[in-house]
C-alpha atoms as a PDB file:
ATOM      1  CA  UNK A   1     -24.933 133.934  71.426  1.00  0.00           C
ATOM      2  CA  UNK A   2     -24.077 130.482  72.736  1.00  0.00           C
ATOM      3  CA  UNK A   3     -23.534 130.293  76.499  1.00  0.00           C
ATOM      4  CA  UNK A   4     -20.071 128.769  77.251  1.00  0.00           C
ATOM      5  CA  UNK A   5     -21.439 127.305  80.517  1.00  0.00           C
ATOM      6  CA  UNK A   6     -24.130 125.477  78.543  1.00  0.00           C
ATOM      7  CA  UNK A   7     -21.441 123.974  76.305  1.00  0.00           C
ATOM      8  CA  UNK A   8     -19.359 122.982  79.343  1.00  0.00           C
ATOM      9  CA  UNK A   9     -22.393 121.157  80.806  1.00  0.00           C
ATOM     10  CA  UNK A  10     -23.043 119.405  77.483  1.00  0.00           C
ATOM     11  CA  UNK A  11     -19.408 118.286  77.315  1.00  0.00           C
ATOM     12  CA  UNK A  12     -19.660 116.963  80.891  1.00  0.00           C
ATOM     13  CA  UNK A  13     -22.774 114.997  79.899  1.00  0.00           C
ATOM     14  CA  UNK A  14     -20.968 113.581  76.857  1.00  0.00           C
ATOM     15  CA  UNK A  15     -18.140 112.416  79.082  1.00  0.00           C
ATOM     16  CA  UNK A  16     -20.381 111.073  81.856  1.00  0.00           C
ATOM     17  CA  UNK A  17     -22.596 109.070  79.519  1.00  0.00           C
ATOM     18  CA  UNK A  18     -19.820 108.228  77.005  1.00  0.00           C
ATOM     19  CA  UNK A  19     -21.708 109.905  74.159  1.00  0.00           C
ATOM     20  CA  UNK A  20     -19.986 110.469  70.806  1.00  0.00           C
ATOM     21  CA  UNK A  21     -22.374 113.176  69.653  1.00  0.00           C
ATOM     22  CA  UNK A  22     -24.898 115.519  71.225  1.00  0.00           C
ATOM     23  CA  UNK A  23     -27.231 118.002  69.572  1.00  0.00           C
ATOM     24  CA  UNK A  24     -29.422 120.664  71.177  1.00  0.00           C
ATOM     25  CA  UNK A  25     -31.845 123.109  69.569  1.00  0.00           C
ATOM     26  CA  UNK A  26     -33.461 125.982  71.487  1.00  0.00           C
ATOM     27  CA  UNK A  27     -35.388 128.293  69.176  1.00  0.00           C
ATOM     28  CA  UNK A  28     -32.926 129.460  66.526  1.00  0.00           C
ATOM     29  CA  UNK A  29     -29.898 128.399  68.594  1.00  0.00           C
ATOM     30  CA  UNK A  30     -28.494 124.991  67.664  1.00  0.00           C
ATOM     31  CA  UNK A  31     -25.487 123.316  69.278  1.00  0.00           C
ATOM     32  CA  UNK A  32     -24.010 120.077  67.993  1.00  0.00           C
ATOM     33  CA  UNK A  33     -20.913 118.583  69.610  1.00  0.00           C
ATOM     34  CA  UNK A  34     -19.069 115.568  68.249  1.00  0.00           C
ATOM     35  CA  UNK A  35     -16.066 113.811  69.781  1.00  0.00           C
ATOM     36  CA  UNK A  36     -12.878 113.875  67.666  1.00  0.00           C
ATOM     37  CA  UNK A  37     -12.750 110.781  65.490  1.00  0.00           C
ATOM     38  CA  UNK A  38     -16.558 110.627  65.288  1.00  0.00           C
ATOM     39  CA  UNK A  39     -17.320 113.669  63.123  1.00  0.00           C
ATOM     40  CA  UNK A  40     -19.441 112.744  60.110  1.00  0.00           C
ATOM     41  CA  UNK A  41     -17.530 113.017  56.846  1.00  0.00           C
ATOM     42  CA  UNK A  42     -17.929 116.384  55.185  1.00  0.00           C
ATOM     43  CA  UNK A  43     -18.516 118.319  58.425  1.00  0.00           C
ATOM     44  CA  UNK A  44     -15.933 120.981  59.132  1.00  0.00           C
ATOM     45  CA  UNK A  45     -15.011 122.721  62.352  1.00  0.00           C
ATOM     46  CA  UNK A  46     -16.600 126.035  63.075  1.00  0.00           C
ATOM     47  CA  UNK A  47     -19.918 127.726  63.510  1.00  0.00           C
ATOM     48  CA  UNK A  48     -22.421 127.533  60.694  1.00  0.00           C
ATOM     49  CA  UNK A  49     -25.336 129.841  59.925  1.00  0.00           C
ATOM     50  CA  UNK A  50     -27.499 128.304  62.679  1.00  0.00           C
ATOM     51  CA  UNK A  51     -24.748 128.312  65.296  1.00  0.00           C
ATOM     52  CA  UNK A  52     -23.901 124.676  64.458  1.00  0.00           C
ATOM     53  CA  UNK A  53     -20.633 123.644  66.138  1.00  0.00           C
ATOM     54  CA  UNK A  54     -18.597 120.632  65.025  1.00  0.00           C
ATOM     55  CA  UNK A  55     -15.278 119.657  66.519  1.00  0.00           C
ATOM     56  CA  UNK A  56     -12.660 118.601  63.980  1.00  0.00           C
ATOM     57  CA  UNK A  57     -11.814 114.936  63.752  1.00  0.00           C
ATOM     58  CA  UNK A  58      -8.260 113.867  63.024  1.00  0.00           C
ATOM     59  CA  UNK A  59      -8.107 112.750  59.435  1.00  0.00           C
ATOM     60  CA  UNK A  60      -5.265 110.677  58.059  1.00  0.00           C
ATOM     61  CA  UNK A  61      -4.731 111.129  54.355  1.00  0.00           C
ATOM     62  CA  UNK A  62      -2.084 109.997  51.936  1.00  0.00           C
ATOM     63  CA  UNK A  63      -0.450 112.786  49.949  1.00  0.00           C
ATOM     64  CA  UNK A  64      -0.973 112.530  46.216  1.00  0.00           C
ATOM     65  CA  UNK A  65       2.105 111.076  44.534  1.00  0.00           C
ATOM     66  CA  UNK A  66       3.773 113.237  41.910  1.00  0.00           C
ATOM     67  CA  UNK A  67       3.894 111.679  38.446  1.00  0.00           C
ATOM     68  CA  UNK A  68       6.893 109.363  38.133  1.00  0.00           C
ATOM     69  CA  UNK A  69       7.614 109.338  41.869  1.00  0.00           C
ATOM     70  CA  UNK A  70       7.908 106.225  44.007  1.00  0.00           C
ATOM     71  CA  UNK A  71       4.931 105.468  46.254  1.00  0.00           C
ATOM     72  CA  UNK A  72       5.551 106.295  49.895  1.00  0.00           C
ATOM     73  CA  UNK A  73       4.727 104.158  52.895  1.00  0.00           C
ATOM     74  CA  UNK A  74       1.448 105.013  54.620  1.00  0.00           C
ATOM     75  CA  UNK A  75       1.799 107.263  57.652  1.00  0.00           C
ATOM     76  CA  UNK A  76       2.290 105.631  61.037  1.00  0.00           C
ATOM     77  CA  UNK A  77      -0.831 105.092  63.111  1.00  0.00           C
ATOM     78  CA  UNK A  78      -0.986 107.479  66.024  1.00  0.00           C
ATOM     79  CA  UNK A  79      -0.536 105.952  69.460  1.00  0.00           C
ATOM     80  CA  UNK A  80      -2.932 106.711  72.270  1.00  0.00           C
ATOM     81  CA  UNK A  81      -1.870 109.658  74.435  1.00  0.00           C
ATOM     82  CA  UNK A  82       0.431 108.834  77.339  1.00  0.00           C
ATOM     83  CA  UNK A  83      -1.172 108.341  80.719  1.00  0.00           C
ATOM     84  CA  UNK A  84      -0.018 110.327  83.744  1.00  0.00           C
ATOM     85  CA  UNK A  85       2.395 108.767  86.202  1.00  0.00           C
ATOM     86  CA  UNK A  86       0.697 106.688  88.861  1.00  0.00           C
ATOM     87  CA  UNK A  87      -0.253 108.349  92.141  1.00  0.00           C
ATOM     88  CA  UNK A  88       0.615 111.864  90.960  1.00  0.00           C
ATOM     89  CA  UNK A  89      -2.099 114.446  90.326  1.00  0.00           C
ATOM     90  CA  UNK A  90      -2.564 115.753  86.820  1.00  0.00           C
ATOM     91  CA  UNK A  91      -3.830 119.026  85.466  1.00  0.00           C
ATOM     92  CA  UNK A  92      -6.801 118.113  83.296  1.00  0.00           C
ATOM     93  CA  UNK A  93      -8.469 120.008  80.507  1.00  0.00           C
ATOM     94  CA  UNK A  94     -11.630 121.738  81.743  1.00  0.00           C
ATOM     95  CA  UNK A  95     -13.034 121.914  78.196  1.00  0.00           C
ATOM     96  CA  UNK A  96     -12.795 120.740  74.616  1.00  0.00           C
ATOM     97  CA  UNK A  97     -10.594 122.866  72.373  1.00  0.00           C
ATOM     98  CA  UNK A  98      -7.155 123.502  70.919  1.00  0.00           C
ATOM     99  CA  UNK A  99      -4.297 123.694  73.408  1.00  0.00           C
ATOM    100  CA  UNK A 100      -1.507 126.281  73.208  1.00  0.00           C
ATOM    101  CA  UNK A 101       1.536 125.912  75.475  1.00  0.00           C
ATOM    102  CA  UNK A 102       2.583 129.565  75.004  1.00  0.00           C
ATOM    103  CA  UNK A 103       0.761 132.861  74.500  1.00  0.00           C
ATOM    104  CA  UNK A 104       2.273 133.184  71.009  1.00  0.00           C
ATOM    105  CA  UNK A 105       4.781 131.254  68.861  1.00  0.00           C
ATOM    106  CA  UNK A 106       7.702 133.559  69.739  1.00  0.00           C
ATOM    107  CA  UNK A 107       7.457 133.181  73.521  1.00  0.00           C
ATOM    108  CA  UNK A 108       8.523 130.207  75.641  1.00  0.00           C
ATOM    109  CA  UNK A 109       5.969 127.766  77.014  1.00  0.00           C
ATOM    110  CA  UNK A 110       4.108 128.798  80.165  1.00  0.00           C
ATOM    111  CA  UNK A 111       5.500 125.715  81.948  1.00  0.00           C
ATOM    112  CA  UNK A 112       7.771 122.783  81.140  1.00  0.00           C
ATOM    113  CA  UNK A 113       9.160 119.762  82.991  1.00  0.00           C
ATOM    114  CA  UNK A 114      10.760 121.057  86.186  1.00  0.00           C
ATOM    115  CA  UNK A 115       8.649 124.222  86.393  1.00  0.00           C
ATOM    116  CA  UNK A 116       7.278 125.045  89.816  1.00  0.00           C
ATOM    117  CA  UNK A 117       3.593 125.959  89.792  1.00  0.00           C
ATOM    118  CA  UNK A 118       1.095 127.339  92.264  1.00  0.00           C
ATOM    119  CA  UNK A 119      -2.663 127.084  92.063  1.00  0.00           C
ATOM    120  CA  UNK A 120      -2.718 130.436  90.243  1.00  0.00           C
ATOM    121  CA  UNK A 121       0.000 129.618  87.662  1.00  0.00           C
ATOM    122  CA  UNK A 122      -1.217 129.729  84.051  1.00  0.00           C
ATOM    123  CA  UNK A 123      -0.051 126.461  82.437  1.00  0.00           C
ATOM    124  CA  UNK A 124      -1.608 126.792  78.973  1.00  0.00           C
ATOM    125  CA  UNK A 125      -4.346 128.369  76.883  1.00  0.00           C
ATOM    126  CA  UNK A 126      -7.249 126.431  75.390  1.00  0.00           C
ATOM    127  CA  UNK A 127      -9.096 127.931  72.459  1.00  0.00           C
ATOM    128  CA  UNK A 128     -12.759 126.974  72.359  1.00  0.00           C
ATOM    129  CA  UNK A 129     -15.169 128.586  69.922  1.00  0.00           C
ATOM    130  CA  UNK A 130     -12.685 131.379  69.104  1.00  0.00           C
ATOM    131  CA  UNK A 131     -12.340 132.245  72.815  1.00  0.00           C
ATOM    132  CA  UNK A 132      -8.905 131.866  74.419  1.00  0.00           C
ATOM    133  CA  UNK A 133      -9.127 130.542  77.995  1.00  0.00           C
ATOM    134  CA  UNK A 134      -6.165 130.675  80.371  1.00  0.00           C
ATOM    135  CA  UNK A 135      -5.896 127.396  82.272  1.00  0.00           C
ATOM    136  CA  UNK A 136      -4.455 127.558  85.780  1.00  0.00           C
ATOM    137  CA  UNK A 137      -2.653 124.720  87.572  1.00  0.00           C
ATOM    138  CA  UNK A 138      -5.024 124.639  90.580  1.00  0.00           C
ATOM    139  CA  UNK A 139      -2.336 122.630  92.378  1.00  0.00           C
ATOM    140  CA  UNK A 140       1.074 123.561  93.821  1.00  0.00           C
ATOM    141  CA  UNK A 141       4.154 121.549  92.951  1.00  0.00           C
ATOM    142  CA  UNK A 142       6.636 120.717  90.211  1.00  0.00           C
ATOM    143  CA  UNK A 143       5.666 119.706  86.672  1.00  0.00           C
ATOM    144  CA  UNK A 144       7.080 116.204  86.045  1.00  0.00           C
ATOM    145  CA  UNK A 145       5.476 115.448  82.670  1.00  0.00           C
ATOM    146  CA  UNK A 146       3.900 117.363  79.807  1.00  0.00           C
ATOM    147  CA  UNK A 147       1.404 114.994  78.176  1.00  0.00           C
ATOM    148  CA  UNK A 148       0.336 117.241  75.302  1.00  0.00           C
ATOM    149  CA  UNK A 149       1.928 119.090  72.402  1.00  0.00           C
ATOM    150  CA  UNK A 150       1.333 122.639  71.254  1.00  0.00           C
ATOM    151  CA  UNK A 151      -1.815 122.970  69.119  1.00  0.00           C
ATOM    152  CA  UNK A 152      -3.082 119.504  70.138  1.00  0.00           C
ATOM    153  CA  UNK A 153      -6.846 119.124  70.292  1.00  0.00           C
ATOM    154  CA  UNK A 154      -7.852 118.297  73.871  1.00  0.00           C
ATOM    155  CA  UNK A 155     -11.021 116.837  75.329  1.00  0.00           C
ATOM    156  CA  UNK A 156     -12.798 117.579  78.581  1.00  0.00           C
ATOM    157  CA  UNK A 157     -11.028 115.817  81.465  1.00  0.00           C
ATOM    158  CA  UNK A 158      -7.956 114.867  79.407  1.00  0.00           C
ATOM    159  CA  UNK A 159      -4.745 114.917  81.499  1.00  0.00           C
ATOM    160  CA  UNK A 160      -2.319 117.560  80.175  1.00  0.00           C
ATOM    161  CA  UNK A 161       0.393 117.900  82.843  1.00  0.00           C
ATOM    162  CA  UNK A 162       1.557 115.702  85.737  1.00  0.00           C
ATOM    163  CA  UNK A 163       2.542 117.577  88.917  1.00  0.00           C
ATOM    164  CA  UNK A 164       4.478 116.338  91.939  1.00  0.00           C
ATOM    165  CA  UNK A 165       2.814 118.172  94.851  1.00  0.00           C
ATOM    166  CA  UNK A 166       4.911 120.230  97.285  1.00  0.00           C
END
């Protein structure tokens, strides 16, 4: 079984040294991490027979046109994620994964703009390797911005929420 702490350290190394891909083999265990947007074509997310892990890269495709239909304009290019307001602390992602703003689709988000949080307040869940991790605010204050959307992929250290401290 892959040690989550080992993956966290590898992700920190990727960030520190601005690596786009890292691969580690220890006996039969193999870990391969790739930043979104840098995944080799044909690699899918998930764990393969050797424990191979690949993070999904956003792929922009054009839908196939139905016979006799008018061609559609290409999709808009995604803008870079917003940056947190100056001089205010942000709650950053402690890992790479898929972010969920609520515990399930039928419940309201853990926090939204105007929500008061304490260091123990759960602000979101990040799924990494089929494990759901509750992320706590670790700061007390009021949420002023939500920088992510539900089911967004997030990277280690990515700002997710901006908080005005108490």
